[in-house]
Protein backbone atom coordinates (compact mmCIF):
# COMPACT_ATOMS: atom_id res chain seq x y z
CA MET A 1 146.45 43.06 123.07
CA ASP A 2 148.70 40.17 124.01
CA ASP A 3 149.19 39.38 120.28
CA PRO A 4 151.65 41.43 118.16
CA VAL A 5 149.98 44.26 116.23
CA ILE A 6 151.73 46.50 113.73
CA TRP A 7 150.51 49.34 111.49
CA VAL A 8 152.23 49.40 108.06
CA SER A 9 151.94 51.82 105.16
CA SER A 10 151.30 50.88 101.50
CA GLU A 11 155.10 50.96 101.08
CA TYR A 12 155.54 48.33 103.83
CA GLU A 13 156.93 50.96 106.31
CA VAL A 14 156.20 50.17 110.02
CA ARG A 15 154.46 53.20 111.47
CA TRP A 16 153.61 51.71 114.84
CA GLY A 17 153.83 48.44 116.75
CA ASN A 18 152.49 47.49 120.14
CA THR A 19 154.52 46.24 123.07
CA SER A 20 153.94 42.53 122.13
CA ALA A 21 155.38 43.10 118.69
CA GLY A 22 158.53 44.50 120.24
CA GLU A 23 158.71 41.58 122.65
CA VAL A 24 158.36 38.95 119.88
CA TYR A 25 160.36 40.55 117.08
CA GLY A 26 162.89 42.67 118.95
CA PRO A 27 163.91 46.29 117.98
CA PRO A 28 161.68 47.92 115.49
CA ALA A 29 162.71 47.80 111.80
CA GLY A 30 161.83 50.12 108.91
CA THR A 31 159.59 47.70 107.05
CA CYS A 32 157.18 44.94 108.07
CA HIS A 33 159.21 42.32 106.26
CA GLY A 34 162.35 43.68 107.89
CA LEU A 35 160.71 43.50 111.31
CA VAL A 36 159.10 40.16 111.09
CA HIS A 37 161.61 38.27 108.79
CA GLY A 38 164.74 40.38 108.84
CA ASP A 39 164.55 40.45 105.05
CA ASP A 40 164.99 43.45 102.74
CA ARG A 41 162.41 42.17 100.23
CA PRO A 42 158.64 42.10 100.53
CA CYS A 43 157.16 38.65 100.97
CA PHE A 44 155.54 38.44 97.56
CA LEU A 45 158.94 38.86 95.88
CA ARG A 46 160.01 35.51 97.54
CA GLY A 47 156.90 33.66 96.32
CA GLU A 48 155.06 34.05 99.57
CA LEU A 49 151.65 35.60 100.24
CA CYS A 50 152.01 39.19 101.61
CA PRO A 51 149.09 39.93 103.91
CA LEU A 52 149.19 43.66 103.23
CA ARG A 53 149.17 43.12 99.46
CA GLU A 54 146.34 40.60 99.70
CA ALA A 55 144.25 42.94 101.85
CA GLN A 56 144.72 45.89 99.52
CA GLU A 57 143.97 43.99 96.36
CA LYS A 58 140.81 42.41 97.86
CA GLY A 59 139.70 45.48 99.73
CA ARG A 60 138.95 43.44 102.82
CA ALA A 61 140.68 41.56 105.62
CA ALA A 62 143.08 38.84 104.44
CA SER A 63 144.72 36.09 106.42
CA VAL A 64 148.00 34.21 105.64
CA ILE A 65 150.29 31.90 107.64
CA HIS A 66 153.70 33.34 108.43
CA ALA A 67 156.69 31.62 110.14
CA TYR A 68 159.26 33.53 112.08
CA THR A 69 162.60 32.17 113.36
CA ASP A 70 164.40 34.06 116.04
CA ALA A 71 168.16 34.32 116.69
CA GLU A 72 168.20 31.16 118.73
CA GLY A 73 166.57 29.17 115.90
CA VAL A 74 163.19 28.86 117.59
CA THR A 75 160.35 28.94 115.01
CA GLU A 76 157.05 30.55 115.88
CA VAL A 77 154.16 30.29 113.46
CA PHE A 78 151.58 33.03 113.22
CA ARG A 79 148.29 33.53 111.42
CA VAL A 80 148.68 37.12 110.15
CA THR A 81 145.41 39.00 109.50
CA CYS A 82 145.72 42.30 107.83
CA LEU A 83 142.84 44.94 107.85
CA PRO A 84 143.08 47.44 105.01
CA LEU A 85 142.90 51.11 106.10
CA GLU A 86 141.09 53.86 104.16
CA ASP A 87 144.12 56.02 103.75
CA GLY A 88 146.31 53.08 102.52
CA GLY A 89 148.39 50.55 104.35
CA GLY A 90 146.96 48.19 106.92
CA LEU A 91 146.79 46.98 110.45
CA GLU A 92 148.29 43.52 111.05
CA VAL A 93 147.33 41.26 113.95
CA HIS A 94 149.71 38.34 114.48
CA LEU A 95 148.02 35.40 116.26
CA ALA A 96 150.46 32.71 117.38
CA LEU A 97 149.37 29.21 116.55
CA ASP A 98 149.81 26.53 119.10
CA GLN A 99 151.57 23.24 118.36
CA GLY A 100 148.27 21.38 117.89
CA VAL A 101 147.62 23.53 114.88
CA VAL A 102 151.17 23.70 113.60
CA ARG A 103 152.12 20.07 113.85
CA ASP A 104 150.48 16.89 112.54
CA PRO A 105 148.97 15.24 115.67
CA LEU A 106 150.03 11.74 114.55
CA VAL A 107 153.61 12.05 113.36
CA GLY A 108 154.56 15.20 115.36
CA LEU A 109 156.06 16.94 112.25
CA TYR A 110 154.87 20.20 110.66
CA ARG A 111 151.68 20.02 108.74
CA ARG A 112 152.07 20.39 105.02
CA GLU A 113 151.08 24.07 104.74
CA ILE A 114 153.11 25.04 107.78
CA TRP A 115 156.17 23.10 106.58
CA ARG A 116 156.03 25.02 103.24
CA GLU A 117 155.87 28.38 104.98
CA VAL A 118 158.78 27.65 107.30
CA VAL A 119 160.94 26.24 104.37
CA LEU A 120 160.23 29.28 102.19
CA ARG A 121 161.45 31.45 104.96
CA GLU A 122 164.61 29.40 105.40
CA GLN A 123 165.16 29.31 101.67
CA ALA A 124 165.02 33.07 101.47
CA LEU A 125 167.70 33.29 104.11
CA LEU A 126 169.94 30.75 102.21
CA GLN A 127 169.68 32.85 99.05
CA ARG A 128 171.49 35.68 100.81
CA GLU A 129 174.62 33.59 101.17
CA ASP A 130 174.02 31.54 97.99
CA TRP A 131 174.05 28.34 100.06
CA PRO A 132 172.45 25.17 98.73
CA PHE A 133 169.85 23.04 100.38
CA SER A 134 168.84 19.42 100.29
CA LEU A 135 165.44 17.77 100.44
CA LEU A 136 164.64 14.29 101.60
CA TYR A 137 161.38 12.68 100.52
CA LEU A 138 160.43 9.56 102.54
CA ASP A 139 157.80 7.10 101.55
CA VAL A 140 156.94 4.31 103.91
CA ASP A 141 156.96 0.98 102.02
CA HIS A 142 153.79 -1.05 101.75
CA LEU A 143 152.07 0.86 104.58
CA GLY A 144 148.67 0.42 102.92
CA ALA A 145 149.06 -3.37 102.85
CA PHE A 146 150.48 -3.22 106.41
CA ASN A 147 147.35 -1.45 107.60
CA ASP A 148 145.09 -4.00 105.87
CA THR A 149 146.96 -6.87 107.49
CA VAL A 150 147.51 -5.71 111.05
CA GLY A 151 145.13 -2.73 111.40
CA ARG A 152 145.40 1.00 110.94
CA SER A 153 146.16 1.61 114.65
CA VAL A 154 149.41 -0.26 114.19
CA GLY A 155 150.15 1.63 111.00
CA ASP A 156 149.61 4.86 112.85
CA GLU A 157 152.11 3.77 115.46
CA VAL A 158 154.62 3.11 112.66
CA LEU A 159 154.21 6.66 111.36
CA ARG A 160 154.45 8.02 114.92
CA ARG A 161 157.75 6.22 115.54
CA ILE A 162 159.20 7.23 112.22
CA GLY A 163 158.28 10.86 112.93
CA ARG A 164 160.21 10.65 116.19
CA LEU A 165 163.12 9.06 114.43
CA ILE A 166 163.29 11.81 111.83
CA LEU A 167 163.35 14.46 114.50
CA GLY A 168 166.05 12.58 116.34
CA CYS A 169 168.20 12.52 113.14
CA SER A 170 167.55 16.23 112.49
CA ARG A 171 169.54 19.34 113.40
CA GLN A 172 167.89 22.32 114.98
CA ALA A 173 167.87 24.17 111.59
CA ASP A 174 166.28 21.26 109.67
CA VAL A 175 162.59 21.29 108.97
CA ALA A 176 160.52 18.13 108.93
CA GLY A 177 157.02 17.76 107.75
CA ARG A 178 154.17 15.37 106.73
CA HIS A 179 153.57 15.85 103.02
CA ALA A 180 150.70 13.43 102.54
CA GLY A 181 149.63 10.12 104.09
CA GLU A 182 152.79 8.05 104.63
CA GLU A 183 155.01 10.56 102.71
CA LEU A 184 157.29 12.66 104.87
CA VAL A 185 159.80 15.41 103.96
CA LEU A 186 162.95 16.80 105.54
CA PHE A 187 164.43 20.13 104.47
CA LEU A 188 168.27 20.35 105.17
CA PRO A 189 169.59 23.93 104.79
CA ASN A 190 173.21 24.51 103.70
CA THR A 191 173.67 20.76 103.12
CA ARG A 192 175.44 19.09 100.26
CA SER A 193 174.58 15.72 98.70
CA ARG A 194 177.07 13.74 100.76
CA GLU A 195 175.73 15.05 104.03
CA ALA A 196 172.07 14.63 102.85
CA LEU A 197 172.72 10.98 101.88
CA GLY A 198 174.28 10.39 105.34
CA VAL A 199 171.09 11.71 107.07
CA ALA A 200 168.88 9.67 104.71
CA GLU A 201 170.80 6.50 105.35
CA ARG A 202 170.59 6.97 109.11
CA ILE A 203 166.83 7.30 108.83
CA ARG A 204 166.59 4.32 106.53
CA ARG A 205 168.61 2.15 108.83
CA GLY A 206 166.67 3.32 111.85
CA VAL A 207 163.33 2.42 110.27
CA GLU A 208 164.64 -0.91 109.12
CA SER A 209 165.70 -1.80 112.65
CA MET A 210 162.21 -1.07 114.10
CA ALA A 211 160.30 -4.06 115.40
CA ILE A 212 156.56 -3.42 115.42
CA GLU A 213 154.61 -5.70 117.74
CA THR A 214 151.36 -7.04 116.19
CA GLU A 215 148.89 -9.85 116.79
CA ASN A 216 151.00 -11.91 114.44
CA GLY A 217 154.26 -11.24 116.22
CA LEU A 218 156.99 -8.73 115.42
CA GLU A 219 156.77 -7.09 112.08
CA SER A 220 159.44 -5.08 110.24
CA ILE A 221 158.92 -1.91 108.17
CA THR A 222 161.04 -0.13 105.64
CA VAL A 223 161.19 3.25 103.90
CA SER A 224 162.30 4.45 100.48
CA VAL A 225 164.07 7.78 100.42
CA GLY A 226 164.71 10.22 97.65
CA ALA A 227 167.24 13.01 98.02
CA ALA A 228 167.91 16.12 96.02
CA THR A 229 170.50 18.91 96.50
CA VAL A 230 169.91 22.15 94.69
CA GLU A 231 170.83 25.79 94.62
CA ALA A 232 169.13 28.14 97.10
CA ALA A 233 167.16 29.91 94.37
CA THR A 234 165.58 26.67 93.01
CA PRO A 235 161.71 26.89 93.39
CA LEU A 236 160.60 24.75 96.28
CA GLY A 237 158.06 22.87 94.04
CA ARG A 238 160.89 21.92 91.67
CA ALA A 239 163.16 20.68 94.46
CA LEU A 240 160.31 18.69 95.95
CA LYS A 241 159.56 16.98 92.58
CA LEU A 242 163.22 15.99 92.13
CA ALA A 243 163.25 14.42 95.59
CA ALA A 244 159.86 12.69 95.06
CA ASP A 245 160.99 11.26 91.67
CA ALA A 246 164.11 9.93 93.38
CA ALA A 247 161.96 8.26 96.05
CA ALA A 248 159.88 6.70 93.27
CA GLN A 249 163.13 5.31 91.76
CA ALA A 250 164.02 3.85 95.14
CA LYS A 251 160.69 2.06 95.28
CA ALA A 252 161.06 0.82 91.75
CA GLY A 253 164.52 -0.45 92.47
CA GLY A 254 163.40 -2.72 95.24
CA ARG A 255 162.43 -0.33 98.17
CA ASN A 256 164.27 0.13 101.46
CA ARG A 257 166.96 2.23 99.80
CA VAL A 258 168.11 5.77 99.26
CA VAL A 259 168.36 7.32 95.77
CA LEU A 260 169.93 10.68 94.98
CA ASP A 261 168.52 12.72 92.20
CA PRO A 262 171.14 12.59 89.32
CA SER A 263 171.00 16.34 88.74
CA SER A 264 171.91 17.13 92.35
CA MET A 265 174.85 19.33 93.28
CA ALA A 266 177.92 17.55 94.66
């Protein structure tokens, strides 16, 4: 098969892998999580779904989404389907997902579920070095009213341009995604509050300077940004809530501003 296939035991030991697995993941490792993610802990211990564990518990094939980042920082996203074997363990087939599935077609950022998987992987790596991370939560101001006034197609163009702006302000290691509607998120690994605020402010200024052409002439758009900087072991859901609450404070404070969660690390 062209897709990576590996045979793993109930103890996560890799017993066999095809040529494609070696080409994608490099030299074989002792365990599936070591091979695919370079981690010494099974996926479920990091809060992720383990395809082998799911298949064994359900007694039937189970599929989960896994993200893998190679040494050059290139992220590949796979749908991993594990088939339970009668003598224990399972056979995993890793189907690479194309960018049309991985990224939101409008804004060009990771879809919500893909973003989460990629970030959990990056977060696990940060915990090894005890490095912090920052999250930016961006909410486009008055986009609903904007759509009602000038049309949804124009609003879609706003989101498309903001998505490109975020990618332009991001480093290779950063992970940007569409959380919901006009709410976008940016994960900044090994980034302190001061650096995160700098990125947030560049994005805010970039959006503010946009001139959107409409039937009524040029229209401006703004964004409210919440930022949070936390320890690597902080649950992703907790970090996301802190950043979202900070974005809500930015909106309540007049919009078109950046607010740092008060509990953030320096």
